[in-house]
Amino acid sequence: MEKRNSERVNKRLEVKYRTKADNTAITSDLSDTGMFISTSRGGKQGSVLDIMLNLPNSPQLYLKGKVVRSISAAPGLNGNVKSGMGINLISPPQDYLNYVQSLLTVRSGK
């Protein structure tokens, strides 16, 4: 059963966040309500993270998000399951929402 309420777009962007240490990772998809961060150093489900997102040709965006899903795939699965964490964004800034909308518009060809 699909739990997503927002349309997602595949996009690889660098993000930085802090759990027990500073981490750098890559997004694999974005939506207006959240993102999936591909990482082997995910945060604990329910924790709130400060996230710095690097957008192309734009200033860095500072986001706050709650970890709603954390996945640690076994090393031998060869890409069948991706490690990372699903993030539900808390009050995303308008610049982020505009960026996601621009990606969705390009994808749909409108």
Protein backbone atom coordinates (compact mmCIF):
# COMPACT_ATOMS: atom_id res chain seq x y z
CA MET A 1 0.00 0.00 0.00
CA GLU A 2 1.37 3.41 -1.02
CA LYS A 3 1.70 5.89 1.86
CA ARG A 4 2.98 8.86 -0.13
CA ASN A 5 0.64 11.80 -0.53
CA SER A 6 2.91 13.97 -2.66
CA GLU A 7 4.33 13.46 -6.11
CA ARG A 8 8.06 12.71 -5.99
CA VAL A 9 10.84 13.46 -8.40
CA ASN A 10 14.19 11.67 -8.59
CA LYS A 11 16.97 14.14 -7.88
CA ARG A 12 20.50 13.68 -6.57
CA LEU A 13 21.59 16.61 -4.44
CA GLU A 14 24.16 16.90 -1.69
CA VAL A 15 22.80 17.29 1.84
CA LYS A 16 24.49 17.72 5.19
CA TYR A 17 22.88 16.76 8.47
CA ARG A 18 23.91 15.92 11.99
CA THR A 19 23.11 12.79 13.98
CA LYS A 20 25.88 11.86 16.41
CA ALA A 21 28.36 13.44 13.99
CA ASP A 22 28.24 15.67 10.92
CA ASN A 23 27.23 13.70 7.82
CA THR A 24 27.17 14.34 4.09
CA ALA A 25 24.87 12.30 1.86
CA ILE A 26 22.85 12.42 -1.36
CA THR A 27 19.11 12.72 -1.88
CA SER A 28 17.46 10.20 -4.17
CA ASP A 29 14.03 11.80 -4.39
CA LEU A 30 12.25 14.98 -3.38
CA SER A 31 8.65 16.06 -2.85
CA ASP A 32 7.00 19.15 -1.42
CA THR A 33 6.58 17.35 1.91
CA GLY A 34 9.79 15.35 2.20
CA MET A 35 12.82 13.63 0.77
CA PHE A 36 14.72 10.38 0.85
CA ILE A 37 18.38 10.66 1.82
CA SER A 38 20.58 7.77 0.69
CA THR A 39 22.99 7.05 3.51
CA SER A 40 24.31 4.27 5.68
CA ARG A 41 24.28 6.68 8.64
CA GLY A 42 20.59 7.35 9.04
CA GLY A 43 18.98 9.00 11.99
CA LYS A 44 16.73 7.23 14.45
CA GLN A 45 13.07 7.05 13.46
CA GLY A 46 11.22 9.92 15.13
CA SER A 47 14.29 12.12 15.52
CA VAL A 48 14.32 15.67 14.13
CA LEU A 49 17.27 16.69 11.95
CA ASP A 50 18.64 20.01 10.78
CA ILE A 51 19.41 19.57 7.08
CA MET A 52 21.45 21.76 4.77
CA LEU A 53 20.55 21.17 1.11
CA ASN A 54 22.81 22.31 -1.72
CA LEU A 55 20.72 23.43 -4.70
CA PRO A 56 22.35 24.03 -8.09
CA ASN A 57 23.05 27.73 -8.74
CA SER A 58 21.37 28.78 -5.48
CA PRO A 59 22.26 29.45 -1.89
CA GLN A 60 22.13 26.55 0.53
CA LEU A 61 18.74 25.88 2.07
CA TYR A 62 18.30 25.06 5.72
CA LEU A 63 15.51 22.58 6.41
CA LYS A 64 14.17 20.79 9.45
CA GLY A 65 12.76 17.31 9.06
CA LYS A 66 11.56 14.33 11.03
CA VAL A 67 12.89 10.86 10.25
CA VAL A 68 9.80 8.79 9.42
CA ARG A 69 11.65 5.77 8.02
CA SER A 70 15.17 4.49 8.43
CA ILE A 71 16.46 1.61 6.31
CA SER A 72 19.75 -0.23 6.75
CA ALA A 73 20.22 -2.64 3.86
CA ALA A 74 22.54 -5.61 4.20
CA PRO A 75 25.75 -5.12 2.15
CA GLY A 76 25.12 -8.19 -0.04
CA LEU A 77 21.80 -7.01 -1.50
CA ASN A 78 23.57 -5.35 -4.47
CA GLY A 79 21.31 -2.33 -4.78
CA ASN A 80 17.97 -4.14 -4.47
CA VAL A 81 17.25 -2.19 -1.29
CA LYS A 82 18.64 1.27 -0.71
CA SER A 83 19.91 2.32 2.69
CA GLY A 84 18.78 5.68 3.93
CA MET A 85 16.03 7.60 5.61
CA GLY A 86 12.71 9.07 4.66
CA ILE A 87 12.31 12.61 5.92
CA ASN A 88 9.05 14.47 6.51
CA LEU A 89 9.91 18.16 6.22
CA ILE A 90 8.71 20.57 8.90
CA SER A 91 7.57 23.88 7.37
CA PRO A 92 9.78 23.74 4.26
CA PRO A 93 10.82 27.19 2.98
CA GLN A 94 9.22 28.58 -0.17
CA ASP A 95 12.53 28.35 -2.06
CA TYR A 96 12.51 24.58 -1.54
CA LEU A 97 8.86 24.27 -2.62
CA ASN A 98 9.54 26.35 -5.74
CA TYR A 99 12.53 24.17 -6.63
CA VAL A 100 10.57 20.92 -6.28
CA GLN A 101 7.70 22.39 -8.33
CA SER A 102 10.16 23.43 -11.07
CA LEU A 103 11.48 19.84 -11.24
CA LEU A 104 7.96 18.42 -11.45
CA THR A 105 7.05 20.89 -14.19
CA VAL A 106 10.12 19.99 -16.26
CA ARG A 107 9.40 16.28 -15.83
CA SER A 108 5.79 16.65 -16.96
CA GLY A 109 6.82 18.82 -19.93
CA LYS A 110 4.49 21.69 -19.02
